Amino acid sequence: QGEVLAEGIRPRDNAYTRSAEDLLDQALSAEGDAEKATLSQQALDAALTGLNEDPDNPKSYFQAALANINLKNYFMADSMFTRAETLHPRYVLETESWRERAWVDAYNEAIVPLNAGDLESAVALFEGANAVYGERYEAFLQLGSVYSRLGRADDAAEAFMTSKGMLEESRVTAMADTALAPVWEEHWGFAQNGLGQALQLSGRFQEAADHFGQMLEATPDDPALIGSLASILSELEMTDSVDALYHNLLNRPGLTEFDFANAGVGLYRIEEYDRAAQAFQSAADLNPLNRDARLNL
């Protein structure tokens, strides 16, 4: 990208690097996971022994990183890659692609425990993916969702903020591609809503109000956003603003039973009982089987 990379310390071969390279090659063609893990551990041992003998050899750090990827030790792989890049900056021309491959492996592996409901294991793998390669937003999006489910609202907010920043950087490119644009818009909405909810759950109500306010400026006709902002402003005891938002909302055509029901809850919270009753009645009229609307009414 136009940057001149310093050579630093040139990688050098010795008996240990040759042994590690041979073992890593064998691991690539291993027939099963167990054999691959055994060969990768042997390669790692050879690389680490080489570092004991020659502690400033970038190649041994690079090989140790590759072995750790195979062993799914993504944080250690990142550490080893970083050391190799520090000693020999031009290594980034090789490590970048390896880091992204490791990210793909960790991300795909995390989906298995995520689908099985093992959220802690999924978190560890998504965090490992981001550690080894932090240039893609998808794992941050997943982490935001999983952190929220685990009650880690502040961590969720940070993850959603990071993914949102990355999505903003890719907006122009994505929107110019007819295939990528719908995916980008879906992920953007997920990040935006996830961030607002995480801020609210963490008790950062002013930040949440500012965030949903900005979203509402972009899409002023979204009933769900109006309800979300009104709910947060209730926490801030901004009763007049809440009242104005619900007045705006309830005078819109095409509201669903859920829009009316949510508005009813919000109006009840600010003690606008007559209007709350009207909202719950409207929800019940749209769906006579809406038990909650009738109970609240």
Protein backbone atom coordinates (compact mmCIF):
# COMPACT_ATOMS: atom_id res chain seq x y z
CA GLN A 1 0.00 0.00 0.00
CA GLY A 2 2.88 2.34 -0.71
CA GLU A 3 4.61 1.78 2.61
CA VAL A 4 8.26 0.77 2.61
CA LEU A 5 8.74 -2.07 5.09
CA ALA A 6 12.05 -2.34 6.89
CA GLU A 7 13.80 -5.65 6.54
CA GLY A 8 14.80 -5.87 10.20
CA ILE A 9 16.35 -9.20 11.13
CA ARG A 10 16.35 -11.57 8.20
CA PRO A 11 14.80 -15.03 8.86
CA ARG A 12 17.42 -17.75 8.90
CA ASP A 13 17.42 -21.53 8.63
CA ASN A 14 18.92 -23.99 11.04
CA ALA A 15 18.30 -27.59 12.05
CA TYR A 16 15.26 -26.60 14.12
CA THR A 17 13.58 -24.51 11.42
CA ARG A 18 14.10 -27.29 8.90
CA SER A 19 12.60 -29.83 11.30
CA ALA A 20 9.62 -27.55 12.06
CA GLU A 21 9.04 -26.90 8.37
CA ASP A 22 9.04 -30.61 7.57
CA LEU A 23 6.57 -31.33 10.40
CA LEU A 24 4.28 -28.49 9.34
CA ASP A 25 4.27 -29.85 5.77
CA GLN A 26 3.35 -33.29 7.11
CA ALA A 27 0.56 -31.76 9.21
CA LEU A 28 -0.96 -30.23 6.07
CA SER A 29 -1.42 -33.69 4.56
CA ALA A 30 -2.34 -35.50 7.79
CA GLU A 31 -5.23 -37.94 7.45
CA GLY A 32 -7.05 -37.02 10.64
CA ASP A 33 -7.29 -34.38 13.36
CA ALA A 34 -5.34 -36.45 15.86
CA GLU A 35 -2.39 -36.93 13.50
CA LYS A 36 -2.46 -33.25 12.54
CA ALA A 37 -2.42 -32.21 16.20
CA THR A 38 0.49 -34.54 16.99
CA LEU A 39 2.58 -33.29 14.08
CA SER A 40 1.72 -29.67 14.85
CA GLN A 41 2.76 -30.09 18.48
CA GLN A 42 6.06 -31.58 17.34
CA ALA A 43 6.53 -28.64 14.97
CA LEU A 44 5.81 -26.23 17.80
CA ASP A 45 8.30 -28.01 20.04
CA ALA A 46 10.95 -27.75 17.32
CA ALA A 47 10.26 -24.04 16.80
CA LEU A 48 10.41 -23.29 20.54
CA THR A 49 13.64 -25.27 20.90
CA GLY A 50 15.03 -23.26 18.02
CA LEU A 51 14.11 -20.05 19.86
CA ASN A 52 16.03 -21.23 22.90
CA GLU A 53 19.08 -21.56 20.69
CA ASP A 54 18.47 -18.46 18.54
CA PRO A 55 15.94 -16.20 20.33
CA ASP A 56 15.85 -13.49 17.65
CA ASN A 57 15.13 -15.69 14.65
CA PRO A 58 11.88 -14.44 13.06
CA LYS A 59 11.38 -17.71 11.22
CA SER A 60 11.03 -19.73 14.41
CA TYR A 61 8.36 -17.34 15.67
CA PHE A 62 6.58 -17.59 12.33
CA GLN A 63 6.65 -21.38 12.45
CA ALA A 64 5.49 -21.39 16.07
CA ALA A 65 2.52 -19.24 14.99
CA LEU A 66 1.56 -21.67 12.21
CA ALA A 67 1.78 -24.62 14.60
CA ASN A 68 -0.41 -22.81 17.13
CA ILE A 69 -3.03 -22.14 14.45
CA ASN A 70 -3.19 -25.87 13.77
CA LEU A 71 -3.52 -26.47 17.52
CA LYS A 72 -6.28 -23.81 17.75
CA ASN A 73 -4.23 -21.70 20.15
CA TYR A 74 -5.26 -18.47 18.42
CA PHE A 75 -4.07 -16.02 21.08
CA MET A 76 -0.63 -17.63 21.12
CA ALA A 77 -0.55 -17.64 17.32
CA ASP A 78 -1.19 -13.89 17.37
CA SER A 79 1.62 -13.38 19.88
CA MET A 80 4.07 -15.37 17.77
CA PHE A 81 3.06 -13.65 14.52
CA THR A 82 3.44 -10.25 16.20
CA ARG A 83 6.92 -11.08 17.40
CA ALA A 84 7.93 -12.32 13.94
CA GLU A 85 6.55 -9.11 12.37
CA THR A 86 8.37 -6.97 14.91
CA LEU A 87 11.71 -8.62 14.22
CA HIS A 88 11.19 -8.78 10.46
CA PRO A 89 8.51 -6.24 9.36
CA ARG A 90 8.36 -7.64 5.84
CA TYR A 91 6.87 -10.82 7.28
CA VAL A 92 3.51 -9.02 7.28
CA LEU A 93 3.32 -9.79 3.55
CA GLU A 94 3.03 -13.46 4.55
CA THR A 95 1.42 -13.30 7.97
CA GLU A 96 -1.59 -11.25 6.84
CA SER A 97 -3.02 -14.06 4.73
CA TRP A 98 -2.26 -16.67 7.39
CA ARG A 99 -3.96 -14.55 10.03
CA GLU A 100 -7.12 -14.29 7.93
CA ARG A 101 -7.14 -18.03 7.29
CA ALA A 102 -6.87 -18.59 11.04
CA TRP A 103 -9.76 -16.16 11.56
CA VAL A 104 -11.92 -18.17 9.18
CA ASP A 105 -11.05 -21.42 10.98
CA ALA A 106 -11.80 -19.97 14.43
CA TYR A 107 -15.02 -18.28 13.28
CA ASN A 108 -16.39 -21.41 11.63
CA GLU A 109 -15.40 -23.52 14.63
CA ALA A 110 -17.21 -21.11 16.98
CA ILE A 111 -20.51 -21.63 15.16
CA VAL A 112 -20.67 -25.25 16.39
CA PRO A 113 -20.80 -24.51 20.16
CA LEU A 114 -22.90 -21.41 19.45
CA ASN A 115 -25.59 -23.51 17.78
CA ALA A 116 -25.35 -26.03 20.62
CA GLY A 117 -25.92 -23.33 23.23
CA ASP A 118 -22.39 -23.49 24.65
CA LEU A 119 -21.95 -19.73 24.73
CA GLU A 120 -18.72 -19.61 26.74
CA SER A 121 -16.91 -21.88 24.28
CA ALA A 122 -18.26 -19.83 21.39
CA VAL A 123 -17.02 -16.62 23.03
CA ALA A 124 -13.52 -18.05 23.47
CA LEU A 125 -13.31 -18.94 19.78
CA PHE A 126 -14.76 -15.66 18.51
CA GLU A 127 -12.33 -13.78 20.76
CA GLY A 128 -9.50 -15.93 19.40
CA ALA A 129 -10.58 -15.11 15.85
CA ASN A 130 -10.45 -11.38 16.61
CA ALA A 131 -7.09 -11.71 18.36
CA VAL A 132 -5.37 -13.36 15.42
CA TYR A 133 -7.04 -11.14 12.79
CA GLY A 134 -8.98 -8.07 13.85
CA GLU A 135 -9.82 -6.69 10.42
CA ARG A 136 -13.23 -8.32 9.90
CA TYR A 137 -16.45 -7.29 11.60
CA GLU A 138 -18.41 -10.56 11.61
CA ALA A 139 -16.90 -12.04 14.78
CA PHE A 140 -17.42 -8.74 16.61
CA LEU A 141 -21.09 -8.85 15.61
CA GLN A 142 -21.40 -12.40 16.93
CA LEU A 143 -19.62 -11.47 20.14
CA GLY A 144 -21.96 -8.54 20.69
CA SER A 145 -24.92 -10.89 20.49
CA VAL A 146 -23.40 -13.60 22.69
CA TYR A 147 -22.12 -11.13 25.30
CA SER A 148 -25.66 -9.75 25.53
CA ARG A 149 -27.05 -13.23 26.10
CA LEU A 150 -24.48 -13.76 28.84
CA GLY A 151 -25.41 -10.50 30.56
CA ARG A 152 -22.11 -8.84 29.66
CA ALA A 153 -23.74 -5.64 28.42
CA ASP A 154 -20.65 -3.40 28.48
CA ASP A 155 -18.63 -5.98 26.53
CA ALA A 156 -21.53 -6.31 24.08
CA ALA A 157 -21.62 -2.54 23.55
CA GLU A 158 -17.89 -2.44 22.82
CA ALA A 159 -18.15 -5.34 20.36
CA PHE A 160 -21.08 -3.72 18.54
CA MET A 161 -19.24 -0.37 18.45
CA THR A 162 -16.21 -2.03 16.86
CA SER A 163 -18.29 -3.84 14.24
CA LYS A 164 -20.22 -0.64 13.50
CA GLY A 165 -16.97 1.25 12.89
CA MET A 166 -15.73 -1.43 10.51
CA LEU A 167 -19.04 -1.48 8.66
CA GLU A 168 -18.92 2.29 8.25
CA GLU A 169 -15.49 2.00 6.63
CA SER A 170 -16.79 -0.54 4.11
CA ARG A 171 -20.07 1.25 3.33
CA VAL A 172 -19.09 2.79 -0.02
CA THR A 173 -17.54 -0.41 -1.38
CA ALA A 174 -20.40 -2.62 -0.20
CA MET A 175 -23.18 -0.38 -1.50
CA ALA A 176 -21.57 -0.30 -4.95
CA ASP A 177 -21.89 -4.09 -5.17
CA THR A 178 -25.45 -5.33 -5.79
CA ALA A 179 -24.67 -8.68 -4.16
CA LEU A 180 -22.96 -7.24 -1.08
CA ALA A 181 -25.33 -4.33 -0.43
CA PRO A 182 -28.24 -6.34 1.10
CA VAL A 183 -25.85 -8.26 3.36
CA TRP A 184 -24.16 -5.05 4.46
CA GLU A 185 -27.51 -3.41 5.23
CA GLU A 186 -28.62 -6.42 7.27
CA HIS A 187 -25.41 -6.43 9.30
CA TRP A 188 -25.53 -2.64 9.72
CA GLY A 189 -29.03 -2.85 11.17
CA PHE A 190 -27.99 -5.68 13.46
CA ALA A 191 -25.01 -3.69 14.76
CA GLN A 192 -27.07 -0.53 15.21
CA ASN A 193 -29.91 -2.18 17.12
CA GLY A 194 -27.56 -4.39 19.09
CA LEU A 195 -25.52 -1.40 20.22
CA GLY A 196 -28.59 0.51 21.35
CA GLN A 197 -29.92 -2.44 23.33
CA ALA A 198 -26.52 -3.13 24.91
CA LEU A 199 -26.14 0.49 25.99
CA GLN A 200 -29.61 0.39 27.50
CA LEU A 201 -28.96 -2.91 29.33
CA SER A 202 -25.70 -1.56 30.74
CA GLY A 203 -27.50 1.46 32.16
CA ARG A 204 -25.77 3.92 29.82
CA PHE A 205 -29.09 5.61 29.08
CA GLN A 206 -27.79 8.93 27.76
CA GLU A 207 -25.51 7.16 25.28
CA ALA A 208 -28.39 4.90 24.29
CA ALA A 209 -30.70 7.91 23.83
CA ASP A 210 -28.13 9.68 21.65
CA HIS A 211 -27.62 6.53 19.60
CA PHE A 212 -31.32 5.81 18.99
CA GLY A 213 -31.88 9.52 18.33
CA GLN A 214 -29.34 9.40 15.51
CA MET A 215 -30.95 6.26 14.14
CA LEU A 216 -34.35 7.93 14.22
CA GLU A 217 -33.03 10.91 12.28
CA ALA A 218 -32.00 8.51 9.51
CA THR A 219 -35.32 6.58 9.54
CA PRO A 220 -37.92 8.83 11.17
CA ASP A 221 -40.88 6.58 10.24
CA ASP A 222 -39.71 3.49 12.14
CA PRO A 223 -42.21 2.77 14.95
CA ALA A 224 -39.83 0.39 16.72
CA LEU A 225 -37.16 3.09 16.94
CA ILE A 226 -39.64 5.60 18.31
CA GLY A 227 -40.64 3.09 20.98
CA SER A 228 -37.04 2.27 21.83
CA LEU A 229 -36.10 5.92 22.20
CA ALA A 230 -39.20 6.63 24.28
CA SER A 231 -38.35 3.74 26.59
CA ILE A 232 -34.85 5.10 27.18
CA LEU A 233 -36.06 8.65 27.72
CA SER A 234 -38.39 7.26 30.36
CA GLU A 235 -35.34 6.00 32.23
CA LEU A 236 -33.94 9.52 32.02
CA GLU A 237 -37.26 10.86 33.38
CA MET A 238 -37.76 13.04 30.30
CA THR A 239 -41.53 12.71 30.52
CA ASP A 240 -42.44 15.51 28.11
CA SER A 241 -40.18 14.08 25.40
CA VAL A 242 -41.61 10.60 25.94
CA ASP A 243 -45.15 11.97 25.68
CA ALA A 244 -44.32 13.77 22.44
CA LEU A 245 -42.79 10.66 20.90
CA TYR A 246 -45.81 8.50 21.70
CA HIS A 247 -48.17 11.21 20.44
CA ASN A 248 -46.21 11.15 17.17
CA LEU A 249 -46.26 7.36 17.06
CA LEU A 250 -49.94 6.81 17.80
CA ASN A 251 -51.02 9.22 15.09
CA ARG A 252 -49.28 7.21 12.40
CA PRO A 253 -51.20 4.85 10.10
CA GLY A 254 -50.39 1.18 9.75
CA LEU A 255 -49.33 0.40 13.32
CA THR A 256 -49.22 -3.25 14.40
CA GLU A 257 -50.63 -4.75 17.57
CA PHE A 258 -47.08 -4.84 18.93
CA ASP A 259 -46.56 -1.14 18.20
CA PHE A 260 -49.72 -0.32 20.15
CA ALA A 261 -48.86 -2.70 22.98
CA ASN A 262 -45.34 -1.30 23.37
CA ALA A 263 -46.71 2.23 23.31
CA GLY A 264 -49.19 1.24 25.99
CA VAL A 265 -46.39 0.04 28.25
CA GLY A 266 -44.44 3.25 27.70
CA LEU A 267 -47.46 5.48 28.42
CA TYR A 268 -48.27 3.47 31.52
CA ARG A 269 -44.74 4.08 32.81
CA ILE A 270 -45.17 7.86 32.57
CA GLU A 271 -48.61 7.55 34.20
CA GLU A 272 -50.57 8.51 31.08
CA TYR A 273 -53.15 5.88 31.99
CA ASP A 274 -56.02 6.96 29.71
CA ARG A 275 -53.80 6.96 26.63
CA ALA A 276 -52.15 3.72 27.74
CA ALA A 277 -55.59 2.13 27.92
CA GLN A 278 -56.40 3.38 24.43
CA ALA A 279 -53.17 1.88 23.09
CA PHE A 280 -53.81 -1.49 24.75
CA GLN A 281 -57.40 -1.43 23.46
CA SER A 282 -56.12 -0.84 19.92
CA ALA A 283 -53.71 -3.78 20.27
CA ALA A 284 -56.52 -5.99 21.55
CA ASP A 285 -58.82 -4.86 18.74
CA LEU A 286 -56.21 -5.82 16.14
CA ASN A 287 -55.75 -9.22 17.76
CA PRO A 288 -58.48 -10.37 20.17
CA LEU A 289 -56.20 -13.24 21.23
CA ASN A 290 -53.46 -10.87 22.45
CA ARG A 291 -53.61 -11.93 26.09
CA ASP A 292 -51.03 -9.42 27.33
CA ALA A 293 -52.82 -6.47 25.77
CA ARG A 294 -56.09 -7.46 27.46
CA LEU A 295 -54.40 -8.13 30.78
CA ASN A 296 -52.67 -4.73 30.69
CA LEU A 297 -55.89 -3.06 29.63
